[in-house]
PDB file of N, CA and C in Angstrom:
ATOM      1  N   MET A   1      93.911  98.949  94.041  1.00  0.00           N
ATOM      2  CA  MET A   1      94.234  99.659  95.261  1.00  0.00           C
ATOM      3  C   MET A   1      93.771  98.883  96.486  1.00  0.00           C
ATOM      4  N   LYS A   2      92.922  97.902  96.286  1.00  0.00           N
ATOM      5  CA  LYS A   2      92.487  97.067  97.404  1.00  0.00           C
ATOM      6  C   LYS A   2      93.680  96.340  98.010  1.00  0.00           C
ATOM      7  N   ASP A   3      94.584  95.844  97.143  1.00  0.00           N
ATOM      8  CA  ASP A   3      95.787  95.164  97.639  1.00  0.00           C
ATOM      9  C   ASP A   3      96.670  96.118  98.431  1.00  0.00           C
ATOM     10  N   LEU A   4      96.845  97.325  97.940  1.00  0.00           N
ATOM     11  CA  LEU A   4      97.648  98.327  98.643  1.00  0.00           C
ATOM     12  C   LEU A   4      97.094  98.563 100.045  1.00  0.00           C
ATOM     13  N   ALA A   5      95.803  98.768 100.148  1.00  0.00           N
ATOM     14  CA  ALA A   5      95.172  99.020 101.452  1.00  0.00           C
ATOM     15  C   ALA A   5      95.354  97.842 102.404  1.00  0.00           C
ATOM     16  N   ALA A   6      95.366  96.634 101.891  1.00  0.00           N
ATOM     17  CA  ALA A   6      95.549  95.452 102.744  1.00  0.00           C
ATOM     18  C   ALA A   6      97.011  95.220 103.090  1.00  0.00           C
ATOM     19  N   TRP A   7      97.893  95.467 102.149  1.00  0.00           N
ATOM     20  CA  TRP A   7      99.304  95.132 102.350  1.00  0.00           C
ATOM     21  C   TRP A   7     100.051  96.158 103.195  1.00  0.00           C
ATOM     22  N   LEU A   8      99.708  97.438 103.094  1.00  0.00           N
ATOM     23  CA  LEU A   8     100.443  98.453 103.856  1.00  0.00           C
ATOM     24  C   LEU A   8     100.466  98.155 105.352  1.00  0.00           C
ATOM     25  N   PRO A   9      99.334  97.949 105.999  1.00  0.00           N
ATOM     26  CA  PRO A   9      99.385  97.695 107.446  1.00  0.00           C
ATOM     27  C   PRO A   9      99.904  96.306 107.810  1.00  0.00           C
ATOM     28  N   SER A  10      99.909  95.375 106.867  1.00  0.00           N
ATOM     29  CA  SER A  10     100.333  94.014 107.197  1.00  0.00           C
ATOM     30  C   SER A  10     101.794  93.728 106.858  1.00  0.00           C
ATOM     31  N   THR A  11     102.489  94.678 106.238  1.00  0.00           N
ATOM     32  CA  THR A  11     103.903  94.480 105.918  1.00  0.00           C
ATOM     33  C   THR A  11     104.744  94.729 107.170  1.00  0.00           C
ATOM     34  N   PRO A  12     105.547  93.733 107.593  1.00  0.00           N
ATOM     35  CA  PRO A  12     106.339  93.898 108.834  1.00  0.00           C
ATOM     36  C   PRO A  12     107.312  95.075 108.757  1.00  0.00           C
ATOM     37  N   SER A  13     107.490  95.745 109.879  1.00  0.00           N
ATOM     38  CA  SER A  13     108.422  96.873 110.023  1.00  0.00           C
ATOM     39  C   SER A  13     108.147  97.995 109.038  1.00  0.00           C
ATOM     40  N   ASN A  14     106.920  98.117 108.617  1.00  0.00           N
ATOM     41  CA  ASN A  14     106.554  99.155 107.667  1.00  0.00           C
ATOM     42  C   ASN A  14     106.415 100.480 108.397  1.00  0.00           C
ATOM     43  N   LEU A  15     106.862 101.543 107.793  1.00  0.00           N
ATOM     44  CA  LEU A  15     106.777 102.874 108.382  1.00  0.00           C
ATOM     45  C   LEU A  15     105.644 103.675 107.758  1.00  0.00           C
ATOM     46  N   TRP A  16     104.636 102.989 107.336  1.00  0.00           N
ATOM     47  CA  TRP A  16     103.518 103.577 106.616  1.00  0.00           C
ATOM     48  C   TRP A  16     102.822 104.644 107.441  1.00  0.00           C
ATOM     49  N   ASP A  17     102.576 105.778 106.808  1.00  0.00           N
ATOM     50  CA  ASP A  17     101.834 106.877 107.414  1.00  0.00           C
ATOM     51  C   ASP A  17     100.591 107.103 106.562  1.00  0.00           C
ATOM     52  N   PRO A  18      99.411 106.776 107.075  1.00  0.00           N
ATOM     53  CA  PRO A  18      98.204 106.895 106.257  1.00  0.00           C
ATOM     54  C   PRO A  18      97.915 108.312 105.777  1.00  0.00           C
ATOM     55  N   ASP A  19      98.474 109.321 106.441  1.00  0.00           N
ATOM     56  CA  ASP A  19      98.237 110.714 106.027  1.00  0.00           C
ATOM     57  C   ASP A  19      98.742 111.000 104.619  1.00  0.00           C
ATOM     58  N   ILE A  20      99.757 110.271 104.164  1.00  0.00           N
ATOM     59  CA  ILE A  20     100.359 110.609 102.866  1.00  0.00           C
ATOM     60  C   ILE A  20      99.374 110.504 101.707  1.00  0.00           C
ATOM     61  N   PHE A  21      98.332 109.699 101.872  1.00  0.00           N
ATOM     62  CA  PHE A  21      97.376 109.560 100.777  1.00  0.00           C
ATOM     63  C   PHE A  21      96.430 110.757 100.673  1.00  0.00           C
ATOM     64  N   GLN A  22      96.534 111.675 101.617  1.00  0.00           N
ATOM     65  CA  GLN A  22      95.786 112.925 101.545  1.00  0.00           C
ATOM     66  C   GLN A  22      96.629 114.036 100.916  1.00  0.00           C
ATOM     67  N   TYR A  23      97.920 113.776 100.706  1.00  0.00           N
ATOM     68  CA  TYR A  23      98.822 114.793 100.175  1.00  0.00           C
ATOM     69  C   TYR A  23      98.668 114.887  98.661  1.00  0.00           C
ATOM     70  N   PRO A  24      98.626 116.098  98.120  1.00  0.00           N
ATOM     71  CA  PRO A  24      98.383 116.260  96.684  1.00  0.00           C
ATOM     72  C   PRO A  24      99.500 115.728  95.787  1.00  0.00           C
ATOM     73  N   LEU A  25     100.725 115.618  96.287  1.00  0.00           N
ATOM     74  CA  LEU A  25     101.840 115.194  95.436  1.00  0.00           C
ATOM     75  C   LEU A  25     102.248 113.738  95.655  1.00  0.00           C
ATOM     76  N   THR A  26     101.456 112.976  96.411  1.00  0.00           N
ATOM     77  CA  THR A  26     101.769 111.566  96.619  1.00  0.00           C
ATOM     78  C   THR A  26     101.359 110.761  95.399  1.00  0.00           C
ATOM     79  N   THR A  27     102.262 109.912  94.962  1.00  0.00           N
ATOM     80  CA  THR A  27     101.967 108.943  93.903  1.00  0.00           C
ATOM     81  C   THR A  27     102.336 107.572  94.449  1.00  0.00           C
ATOM     82  N   THR A  28     101.887 106.530  93.786  1.00  0.00           N
ATOM     83  CA  THR A  28     102.216 105.173  94.221  1.00  0.00           C
ATOM     84  C   THR A  28     102.819 104.411  93.051  1.00  0.00           C
ATOM     85  N   ASN A  29     104.036 103.924  93.248  1.00  0.00           N
ATOM     86  CA  ASN A  29     104.704 103.104  92.246  1.00  0.00           C
ATOM     87  C   ASN A  29     104.374 101.642  92.526  1.00  0.00           C
ATOM     88  N   VAL A  30     104.364 100.837  91.456  1.00  0.00           N
ATOM     89  CA  VAL A  30     103.993  99.433  91.577  1.00  0.00           C
ATOM     90  C   VAL A  30     105.017  98.589  90.830  1.00  0.00           C
ATOM     91  N   ALA A  31     105.418  97.470  91.448  1.00  0.00           N
ATOM     92  CA  ALA A  31     106.332  96.520  90.792  1.00  0.00           C
ATOM     93  C   ALA A  31     105.586  95.212  90.534  1.00  0.00           C
ATOM     94  N   PHE A  32     105.787  94.689  89.337  1.00  0.00           N
ATOM     95  CA  PHE A  32     105.169  93.432  88.922  1.00  0.00           C
ATOM     96  C   PHE A  32     106.250  92.438  88.528  1.00  0.00           C
ATOM     97  N   ARG A  33     105.917  91.185  88.580  1.00  0.00           N
ATOM     98  CA  ARG A  33     106.721  90.124  87.971  1.00  0.00           C
ATOM     99  C   ARG A  33     105.740  89.297  87.161  1.00  0.00           C
ATOM    100  N   ARG A  34     105.924  89.333  85.884  1.00  0.00           N
ATOM    101  CA  ARG A  34     104.968  88.752  84.941  1.00  0.00           C
ATOM    102  C   ARG A  34     103.581  89.335  85.213  1.00  0.00           C
ATOM    103  N   ASP A  35     102.622  88.518  85.585  1.00  0.00           N
ATOM    104  CA  ASP A  35     101.258  88.999  85.843  1.00  0.00           C
ATOM    105  C   ASP A  35     100.981  89.176  87.330  1.00  0.00           C
ATOM    106  N   GLN A  36     102.014  89.025  88.168  1.00  0.00           N
ATOM    107  CA  GLN A  36     101.804  89.110  89.611  1.00  0.00           C
ATOM    108  C   GLN A  36     102.276  90.450  90.162  1.00  0.00           C
ATOM    109  N   LEU A  37     101.405  91.081  90.911  1.00  0.00           N
ATOM    110  CA  LEU A  37     101.752  92.312  91.598  1.00  0.00           C
ATOM    111  C   LEU A  37     102.639  91.937  92.782  1.00  0.00           C
ATOM    112  N   ILE A  38     103.801  92.589  92.926  1.00  0.00           N
ATOM    113  CA  ILE A  38     104.761  92.231  93.973  1.00  0.00           C
ATOM    114  C   ILE A  38     104.793  93.265  95.094  1.00  0.00           C
ATOM    115  N   THR A  39     104.958  94.538  94.758  1.00  0.00           N
ATOM    116  CA  THR A  39     105.161  95.564  95.782  1.00  0.00           C
ATOM    117  C   THR A  39     104.602  96.908  95.338  1.00  0.00           C
ATOM    118  N   PHE A  40     104.016  97.605  96.296  1.00  0.00           N
ATOM    119  CA  PHE A  40     103.632  99.007  96.124  1.00  0.00           C
ATOM    120  C   PHE A  40     104.633  99.857  96.900  1.00  0.00           C
ATOM    121  N   MET A  41     104.932 101.053  96.408  1.00  0.00           N
ATOM    122  CA  MET A  41     105.772 102.002  97.138  1.00  0.00           C
ATOM    123  C   MET A  41     105.211 103.405  96.962  1.00  0.00           C
ATOM    124  N   PRO A  42     104.484 103.900  97.968  1.00  0.00           N
ATOM    125  CA  PRO A  42     104.028 105.291  97.898  1.00  0.00           C
ATOM    126  C   PRO A  42     105.240 106.232  97.903  1.00  0.00           C
ATOM    127  N   MET A  43     105.120 107.319  97.171  1.00  0.00           N
ATOM    128  CA  MET A  43     106.215 108.273  97.058  1.00  0.00           C
ATOM    129  C   MET A  43     105.633 109.680  97.186  1.00  0.00           C
ATOM    130  N   GLN A  44     106.274 110.494  98.007  1.00  0.00           N
ATOM    131  CA  GLN A  44     105.841 111.874  98.164  1.00  0.00           C
ATOM    132  C   GLN A  44     107.030 112.812  98.001  1.00  0.00           C
ATOM    133  N   LEU A  45     106.759 114.001  97.544  1.00  0.00           N
ATOM    134  CA  LEU A  45     107.778 115.032  97.490  1.00  0.00           C
ATOM    135  C   LEU A  45     107.772 115.762  98.817  1.00  0.00           C
ATOM    136  N   VAL A  46     108.955 116.023  99.353  1.00  0.00           N
ATOM    137  CA  VAL A  46     109.074 116.693 100.647  1.00  0.00           C
ATOM    138  C   VAL A  46     110.058 117.850 100.527  1.00  0.00           C
ATOM    139  N   THR A  47     110.053 118.702 101.538  1.00  0.00           N
ATOM    140  CA  THR A  47     111.087 119.721 101.671  1.00  0.00           C
ATOM    141  C   THR A  47     112.101 119.194 102.665  1.00  0.00           C
ATOM    142  N   MET A  48     113.362 119.233 102.305  1.00  0.00           N
ATOM    143  CA  MET A  48     114.436 118.745 103.165  1.00  0.00           C
ATOM    144  C   MET A  48     115.319 119.924 103.556  1.00  0.00           C
ATOM    145  N   LEU A  49     115.353 120.192 104.845  1.00  0.00           N
ATOM    146  CA  LEU A  49     116.210 121.262 105.361  1.00  0.00           C
ATOM    147  C   LEU A  49     117.477 120.621 105.904  1.00  0.00           C
ATOM    148  N   GLU A  50     118.617 121.126 105.493  1.00  0.00           N
ATOM    149  CA  GLU A  50     119.877 120.581 105.990  1.00  0.00           C
ATOM    150  C   GLU A  50     120.960 121.643 105.909  1.00  0.00           C
ATOM    151  N   SER A  51     121.875 121.558 106.796  1.00  0.00           N
ATOM    152  CA  SER A  51     123.034 122.441 106.843  1.00  0.00           C
ATOM    153  C   SER A  51     122.682 123.871 107.239  1.00  0.00           C
ATOM    154  N   LEU A  52     123.194 124.275 108.358  1.00  0.00           N
ATOM    155  CA  LEU A  52     123.079 125.656 108.806  1.00  0.00           C
ATOM    156  C   LEU A  52     124.462 126.285 108.757  1.00  0.00           C
ATOM    157  N   ALA A  53     124.542 127.497 108.278  1.00  0.00           N
ATOM    158  CA  ALA A  53     125.806 128.230 108.251  1.00  0.00           C
ATOM    159  C   ALA A  53     125.595 129.519 109.041  1.00  0.00           C
ATOM    160  N   HIS A  54     125.919 129.461 110.325  1.00  0.00           N
ATOM    161  CA  HIS A  54     125.730 130.612 111.212  1.00  0.00           C
ATOM    162  C   HIS A  54     126.925 131.561 111.129  1.00  0.00           C
ATOM    163  N   ASN A  55     126.641 132.835 111.269  1.00  0.00           N
ATOM    164  CA  ASN A  55     127.685 133.832 111.453  1.00  0.00           C
ATOM    165  C   ASN A  55     128.324 133.540 112.817  1.00  0.00           C
ATOM    166  N   PRO A  56     129.636 133.306 112.870  1.00  0.00           N
ATOM    167  CA  PRO A  56     130.262 132.981 114.148  1.00  0.00           C
ATOM    168  C   PRO A  56     130.171 134.107 115.181  1.00  0.00           C
ATOM    169  N   GLU A  57     129.899 135.311 114.736  1.00  0.00           N
ATOM    170  CA  GLU A  57     129.789 136.440 115.663  1.00  0.00           C
ATOM    171  C   GLU A  57     128.359 136.669 116.162  1.00  0.00           C
ATOM    172  N   ALA A  58     127.381 135.942 115.609  1.00  0.00           N
ATOM    173  CA  ALA A  58     125.987 136.119 116.017  1.00  0.00           C
ATOM    174  C   ALA A  58     125.763 135.481 117.380  1.00  0.00           C
ATOM    175  N   SER A  59     124.867 136.075 118.132  1.00  0.00           N
ATOM    176  CA  SER A  59     124.541 135.526 119.458  1.00  0.00           C
ATOM    177  C   SER A  59     123.692 134.260 119.291  1.00  0.00           C
ATOM    178  N   GLU A  60     123.637 133.466 120.338  1.00  0.00           N
ATOM    179  CA  GLU A  60     122.827 132.249 120.305  1.00  0.00           C
ATOM    180  C   GLU A  60     121.350 132.591 120.104  1.00  0.00           C
ATOM    181  N   LEU A  61     120.899 133.662 120.727  1.00  0.00           N
ATOM    182  CA  LEU A  61     119.517 134.110 120.567  1.00  0.00           C
ATOM    183  C   LEU A  61     119.238 134.509 119.114  1.00  0.00           C
ATOM    184  N   ASP A  62     120.156 135.247 118.504  1.00  0.00           N
ATOM    185  CA  ASP A  62     119.987 135.635 117.096  1.00  0.00           C
ATOM    186  C   ASP A  62     119.978 134.407 116.188  1.00  0.00           C
ATOM    187  N   ARG A  63     120.834 133.447 116.472  1.00  0.00           N
ATOM    188  CA  ARG A  63     120.866 132.221 115.666  1.00  0.00           C
ATOM    189  C   ARG A  63     119.544 131.465 115.783  1.00  0.00           C
ATOM    190  N   ALA A  64     119.039 131.358 117.003  1.00  0.00           N
ATOM    191  CA  ALA A  64     117.770 130.655 117.218  1.00  0.00           C
ATOM    192  C   ALA A  64     116.636 131.359 116.474  1.00  0.00           C
ATOM    193  N   GLN A  65     116.592 132.673 116.558  1.00  0.00           N
ATOM    194  CA  GLN A  65     115.551 133.436 115.869  1.00  0.00           C
ATOM    195  C   GLN A  65     115.686 133.268 114.351  1.00  0.00           C
ATOM    196  N   ALA A  66     116.904 133.254 113.868  1.00  0.00           N
ATOM    197  CA  ALA A  66     117.132 133.080 112.426  1.00  0.00           C
ATOM    198  C   ALA A  66     116.627 131.717 111.952  1.00  0.00           C
ATOM    199  N   VAL A  67     116.932 130.672 112.712  1.00  0.00           N
ATOM    200  CA  VAL A  67     116.463 129.330 112.344  1.00  0.00           C
ATOM    201  C   VAL A  67     114.936 129.300 112.341  1.00  0.00           C
ATOM    202  N   LYS A  68     114.338 129.886 113.347  1.00  0.00           N
ATOM    203  CA  LYS A  68     112.877 129.934 113.435  1.00  0.00           C
ATOM    204  C   LYS A  68     112.280 130.618 112.205  1.00  0.00           C
ATOM    205  N   GLU A  69     112.852 131.752 111.807  1.00  0.00           N
ATOM    206  CA  GLU A  69     112.346 132.475 110.634  1.00  0.00           C
ATOM    207  C   GLU A  69     112.571 131.695 109.342  1.00  0.00           C
ATOM    208  N   LEU A  70     113.721 131.036 109.223  1.00  0.00           N
ATOM    209  CA  LEU A  70     114.006 130.259 108.016  1.00  0.00           C
ATOM    210  C   LEU A  70     113.079 129.051 107.906  1.00  0.00           C
ATOM    211  N   VAL A  71     112.789 128.408 109.027  1.00  0.00           N
ATOM    212  CA  VAL A  71     111.853 127.280 109.011  1.00  0.00           C
ATOM    213  C   VAL A  71     110.462 127.776 108.624  1.00  0.00           C
ATOM    214  N   ARG A  72     110.043 128.891 109.179  1.00  0.00           N
ATOM    215  CA  ARG A  72     108.736 129.466 108.826  1.00  0.00           C
ATOM    216  C   ARG A  72     108.676 129.736 107.315  1.00  0.00           C
ATOM    217  N   SER A  73     109.744 130.271 106.763  1.00  0.00           N
ATOM    218  CA  SER A  73     109.795 130.532 105.323  1.00  0.00           C
ATOM    219  C   SER A  73     109.719 129.224 104.516  1.00  0.00           C
ATOM    220  N   ALA A  74     110.424 128.209 104.976  1.00  0.00           N
ATOM    221  CA  ALA A  74     110.402 126.905 104.285  1.00  0.00           C
ATOM    222  C   ALA A  74     108.999 126.301 104.305  1.00  0.00           C
ATOM    223  N   ILE A  75     108.291 126.467 105.411  1.00  0.00           N
ATOM    224  CA  ILE A  75     106.922 125.958 105.511  1.00  0.00           C
ATOM    225  C   ILE A  75     106.017 126.681 104.517  1.00  0.00           C
ATOM    226  N   THR A  76     106.149 127.989 104.440  1.00  0.00           N
ATOM    227  CA  THR A  76     105.346 128.772 103.490  1.00  0.00           C
ATOM    228  C   THR A  76     105.638 128.351 102.054  1.00  0.00           C
ATOM    229  N   GLN A  77     106.921 128.231 101.714  1.00  0.00           N
ATOM    230  CA  GLN A  77     107.289 127.809 100.358  1.00  0.00           C
ATOM    231  C   GLN A  77     106.775 126.410 100.059  1.00  0.00           C
ATOM    232  N   SER A  78     106.831 125.525 101.050  1.00  0.00           N
ATOM    233  CA  SER A  78     106.342 124.160 100.865  1.00  0.00           C
ATOM    234  C   SER A  78     104.849 124.155 100.583  1.00  0.00           C
ATOM    235  N   ARG A  79     104.098 124.895 101.371  1.00  0.00           N
ATOM    236  CA  ARG A  79     102.642 124.991 101.145  1.00  0.00           C
ATOM    237  C   ARG A  79     102.349 125.513  99.741  1.00  0.00           C
ATOM    238  N   ASP A  80     103.079 126.546  99.339  1.00  0.00           N
ATOM    239  CA  ASP A  80     102.864 127.137  98.011  1.00  0.00           C
ATOM    240  C   ASP A  80     103.114 126.123  96.897  1.00  0.00           C
ATOM    241  N   ARG A  81     103.998 125.179  97.121  1.00  0.00           N
ATOM    242  CA  ARG A  81     104.364 124.173  96.109  1.00  0.00           C
ATOM    243  C   ARG A  81     103.540 122.897  96.225  1.00  0.00           C
ATOM    244  N   GLY A  82     102.678 122.807  97.220  1.00  0.00           N
ATOM    245  CA  GLY A  82     101.878 121.605  97.405  1.00  0.00           C
ATOM    246  C   GLY A  82     102.590 120.516  98.185  1.00  0.00           C
ATOM    247  N   VAL A  83     103.719 120.839  98.776  1.00  0.00           N
ATOM    248  CA  VAL A  83     104.486 119.872  99.573  1.00  0.00           C
ATOM    249  C   VAL A  83     103.895 119.846 100.977  1.00  0.00           C
ATOM    250  N   SER A  84     103.711 118.642 101.509  1.00  0.00           N
ATOM    251  CA  SER A  84     102.985 118.493 102.772  1.00  0.00           C
ATOM    252  C   SER A  84     103.845 118.137 103.973  1.00  0.00           C
ATOM    253  N   GLU A  85     105.113 117.817 103.777  1.00  0.00           N
ATOM    254  CA  GLU A  85     105.985 117.489 104.903  1.00  0.00           C
ATOM    255  C   GLU A  85     107.342 118.163 104.732  1.00  0.00           C
ATOM    256  N   VAL A  86     107.905 118.579 105.878  1.00  0.00           N
ATOM    257  CA  VAL A  86     109.225 119.200 105.913  1.00  0.00           C
ATOM    258  C   VAL A  86     110.095 118.356 106.837  1.00  0.00           C
ATOM    259  N   TYR A  87     111.255 117.990 106.362  1.00  0.00           N
ATOM    260  CA  TYR A  87     112.228 117.251 107.157  1.00  0.00           C
ATOM    261  C   TYR A  87     113.405 118.166 107.459  1.00  0.00           C
ATOM    262  N   PHE A  88     113.956 118.032 108.644  1.00  0.00           N
ATOM    263  CA  PHE A  88     115.065 118.870 109.083  1.00  0.00           C
ATOM    264  C   PHE A  88     116.153 117.949 109.613  1.00  0.00           C
ATOM    265  N   ILE A  89     117.286 117.931 108.953  1.00  0.00           N
ATOM    266  CA  ILE A  89     118.406 117.084 109.375  1.00  0.00           C
ATOM    267  C   ILE A  89     119.353 117.921 110.221  1.00  0.00           C
ATOM    268  N   THR A  90     119.598 117.468 111.434  1.00  0.00           N
ATOM    269  CA  THR A  90     120.570 118.119 112.297  1.00  0.00           C
ATOM    270  C   THR A  90     121.106 117.105 113.294  1.00  0.00           C
ATOM    271  N   ASN A  91     122.346 117.265 113.669  1.00  0.00           N
ATOM    272  CA  ASN A  91     122.888 116.417 114.741  1.00  0.00           C
ATOM    273  C   ASN A  91     123.232 117.263 115.961  1.00  0.00           C
ATOM    274  N   GLU A  92     122.838 118.530 115.924  1.00  0.00           N
ATOM    275  CA  GLU A  92     123.089 119.418 117.050  1.00  0.00           C
ATOM    276  C   GLU A  92     121.874 119.390 117.984  1.00  0.00           C
ATOM    277  N   PRO A  93     122.041 118.900 119.219  1.00  0.00           N
ATOM    278  CA  PRO A  93     120.900 118.765 120.128  1.00  0.00           C
ATOM    279  C   PRO A  93     120.139 120.060 120.381  1.00  0.00           C
ATOM    280  N   THR A  94     120.832 121.175 120.481  1.00  0.00           N
ATOM    281  CA  THR A  94     120.166 122.460 120.748  1.00  0.00           C
ATOM    282  C   THR A  94     119.221 122.833 119.608  1.00  0.00           C
ATOM    283  N   ILE A  95     119.690 122.640 118.384  1.00  0.00           N
ATOM    284  CA  ILE A  95     118.860 122.960 117.209  1.00  0.00           C
ATOM    285  C   ILE A  95     117.680 121.988 117.128  1.00  0.00           C
ATOM    286  N   ALA A  96     117.924 120.718 117.406  1.00  0.00           N
ATOM    287  CA  ALA A  96     116.838 119.728 117.375  1.00  0.00           C
ATOM    288  C   ALA A  96     115.753 120.085 118.385  1.00  0.00           C
ATOM    289  N   GLU A  97     116.156 120.462 119.577  1.00  0.00           N
ATOM    290  CA  GLU A  97     115.173 120.836 120.600  1.00  0.00           C
ATOM    291  C   GLU A  97     114.417 122.096 120.204  1.00  0.00           C
ATOM    292  N   LEU A  98     115.112 123.049 119.617  1.00  0.00           N
ATOM    293  CA  LEU A  98     114.467 124.268 119.129  1.00  0.00           C
ATOM    294  C   LEU A  98     113.413 123.915 118.074  1.00  0.00           C
ATOM    295  N   ALA A  99     113.779 123.049 117.140  1.00  0.00           N
ATOM    296  CA  ALA A  99     112.854 122.666 116.065  1.00  0.00           C
ATOM    297  C   ALA A  99     111.634 121.938 116.624  1.00  0.00           C
ATOM    298  N   LYS A 100     111.845 121.089 117.603  1.00  0.00           N
ATOM    299  CA  LYS A 100     110.714 120.362 118.197  1.00  0.00           C
ATOM    300  C   LYS A 100     109.824 121.301 119.012  1.00  0.00           C
ATOM    301  N   ARG A 101     110.433 122.168 119.790  1.00  0.00           N
ATOM    302  CA  ARG A 101     109.684 123.031 120.703  1.00  0.00           C
ATOM    303  C   ARG A 101     108.951 124.155 119.970  1.00  0.00           C
ATOM    304  N   HIS A 102     109.618 124.805 119.017  1.00  0.00           N
ATOM    305  CA  HIS A 102     109.047 126.005 118.411  1.00  0.00           C
ATOM    306  C   HIS A 102     108.449 125.792 117.026  1.00  0.00           C
ATOM    307  N   ALA A 103     108.798 124.712 116.365  1.00  0.00           N
ATOM    308  CA  ALA A 103     108.282 124.521 115.009  1.00  0.00           C
ATOM    309  C   ALA A 103     107.496 123.218 114.864  1.00  0.00           C
ATOM    310  N   GLN A 104     107.264 122.531 115.958  1.00  0.00           N
ATOM    311  CA  GLN A 104     106.448 121.320 115.988  1.00  0.00           C
ATOM    312  C   GLN A 104     107.021 120.168 115.171  1.00  0.00           C
ATOM    313  N   PHE A 105     108.332 120.135 114.983  1.00  0.00           N
ATOM    314  CA  PHE A 105     108.952 118.974 114.354  1.00  0.00           C
ATOM    315  C   PHE A 105     108.872 117.809 115.331  1.00  0.00           C
ATOM    316  N   GLU A 106     108.761 116.606 114.806  1.00  0.00           N
ATOM    317  CA  GLU A 106     108.817 115.422 115.642  1.00  0.00           C
ATOM    318  C   GLU A 106     110.108 114.673 115.311  1.00  0.00           C
ATOM    319  N   GLU A 107     110.737 114.123 116.326  1.00  0.00           N
ATOM    320  CA  GLU A 107     111.943 113.340 116.098  1.00  0.00           C
ATOM    321  C   GLU A 107     111.539 111.946 115.654  1.00  0.00           C
ATOM    322  N   LEU A 108     112.111 111.495 114.552  1.00  0.00           N
ATOM    323  CA  LEU A 108     111.763 110.187 113.997  1.00  0.00           C
ATOM    324  C   LEU A 108     112.787 109.137 114.431  1.00  0.00           C
ATOM    325  N   PRO A 109     112.329 107.940 114.717  1.00  0.00           N
ATOM    326  CA  PRO A 109     113.240 106.877 115.147  1.00  0.00           C
ATOM    327  C   PRO A 109     113.749 106.022 113.992  1.00  0.00           C
ATOM    328  N   HIS A 110     113.740 106.568 112.790  1.00  0.00           N
ATOM    329  CA  HIS A 110     114.068 105.778 111.611  1.00  0.00           C
ATOM    330  C   HIS A 110     115.488 106.054 111.116  1.00  0.00           C
ATOM    331  N   ARG A 111     115.980 105.128 110.349  1.00  0.00           N
ATOM    332  CA  ARG A 111     117.236 105.375 109.636  1.00  0.00           C
ATOM    333  C   ARG A 111     116.904 106.181 108.390  1.00  0.00           C
ATOM    334  N   LEU A 112     117.757 107.107 108.070  1.00  0.00           N
ATOM    335  CA  LEU A 112     117.567 107.940 106.893  1.00  0.00           C
ATOM    336  C   LEU A 112     118.662 107.594 105.896  1.00  0.00           C
ATOM    337  N   LEU A 113     118.285 107.255 104.694  1.00  0.00           N
ATOM    338  CA  LEU A 113     119.240 106.899 103.647  1.00  0.00           C
ATOM    339  C   LEU A 113     119.181 107.959 102.555  1.00  0.00           C
ATOM    340  N   ARG A 114     120.317 108.221 101.942  1.00  0.00           N
ATOM    341  CA  ARG A 114     120.376 109.221 100.887  1.00  0.00           C
ATOM    342  C   ARG A 114     121.015 108.620  99.656  1.00  0.00           C
ATOM    343  N   LEU A 115     120.515 108.997  98.507  1.00  0.00           N
ATOM    344  CA  LEU A 115     121.104 108.619  97.230  1.00  0.00           C
ATOM    345  C   LEU A 115     121.264 109.898  96.421  1.00  0.00           C
ATOM    346  N   LYS A 116     122.494 110.202  96.054  1.00  0.00           N
ATOM    347  CA  LYS A 116     122.734 111.325  95.151  1.00  0.00           C
ATOM    348  C   LYS A 116     122.649 110.799  93.724  1.00  0.00           C
ATOM    349  N   ILE A 117     121.676 111.289  93.002  1.00  0.00           N
ATOM    350  CA  ILE A 117     121.445 110.789  91.647  1.00  0.00           C
ATOM    351  C   ILE A 117     122.670 110.985  90.772  1.00  0.00           C
ATOM    352  N   ALA A 118     123.401 112.071  90.979  1.00  0.00           N
ATOM    353  CA  ALA A 118     124.608 112.323  90.194  1.00  0.00           C
ATOM    354  C   ALA A 118     125.635 111.205  90.374  1.00  0.00           C
ATOM    355  N   SER A 119     125.660 110.579  91.556  1.00  0.00           N
ATOM    356  CA  SER A 119     126.627 109.496  91.774  1.00  0.00           C
ATOM    357  C   SER A 119     126.318 108.278  90.919  1.00  0.00           C
ATOM    358  N   LEU A 120     125.069 108.095  90.557  1.00  0.00           N
ATOM    359  CA  LEU A 120     124.704 106.997  89.672  1.00  0.00           C
ATOM    360  C   LEU A 120     125.241 107.221  88.274  1.00  0.00           C
ATOM    361  N   GLU A 121     125.284 108.469  87.866  1.00  0.00           N
ATOM    362  CA  GLU A 121     125.731 108.800  86.532  1.00  0.00           C
ATOM    363  C   GLU A 121     127.252 108.653  86.388  1.00  0.00           C
ATOM    364  N   LYS A 122     127.977 108.661  87.522  1.00  0.00           N
ATOM    365  CA  LYS A 122     129.441 108.513  87.485  1.00  0.00           C
ATOM    366  C   LYS A 122     129.858 107.051  87.399  1.00  0.00           C
ATOM    367  N   SER A 123     128.970 106.138  87.830  1.00  0.00           N
ATOM    368  CA  SER A 123     129.358 104.727  87.836  1.00  0.00           C
ATOM    369  C   SER A 123     129.137 104.043  86.522  1.00  0.00           C
TER     370      SER A 123
END
């Protein structure tokens, strides 16, 4: 683990967050080539919130309150499961601002990539 501690902050363009090592569900994967350690990759389980389906007849205030309550519920469920981070995917500016203002989400400047495991099984 000495190598991990040295390499994480020294790897260029690394998005390392030292808090993850305090999370109960974080594990660290390691890649080797022969007898040489090549790369560490910390991995954590997260809650991912995506897709809202609003009643088209609901008021904007009701929609905002509903999102707030659903996020609160997701946080509670995450805590109960030992999950330490919640991600919320949205491209709607109003919802993003609501999440930042009322639920303390932070906007990340990173690219987000997705892999559907089922798609691997089709190839």
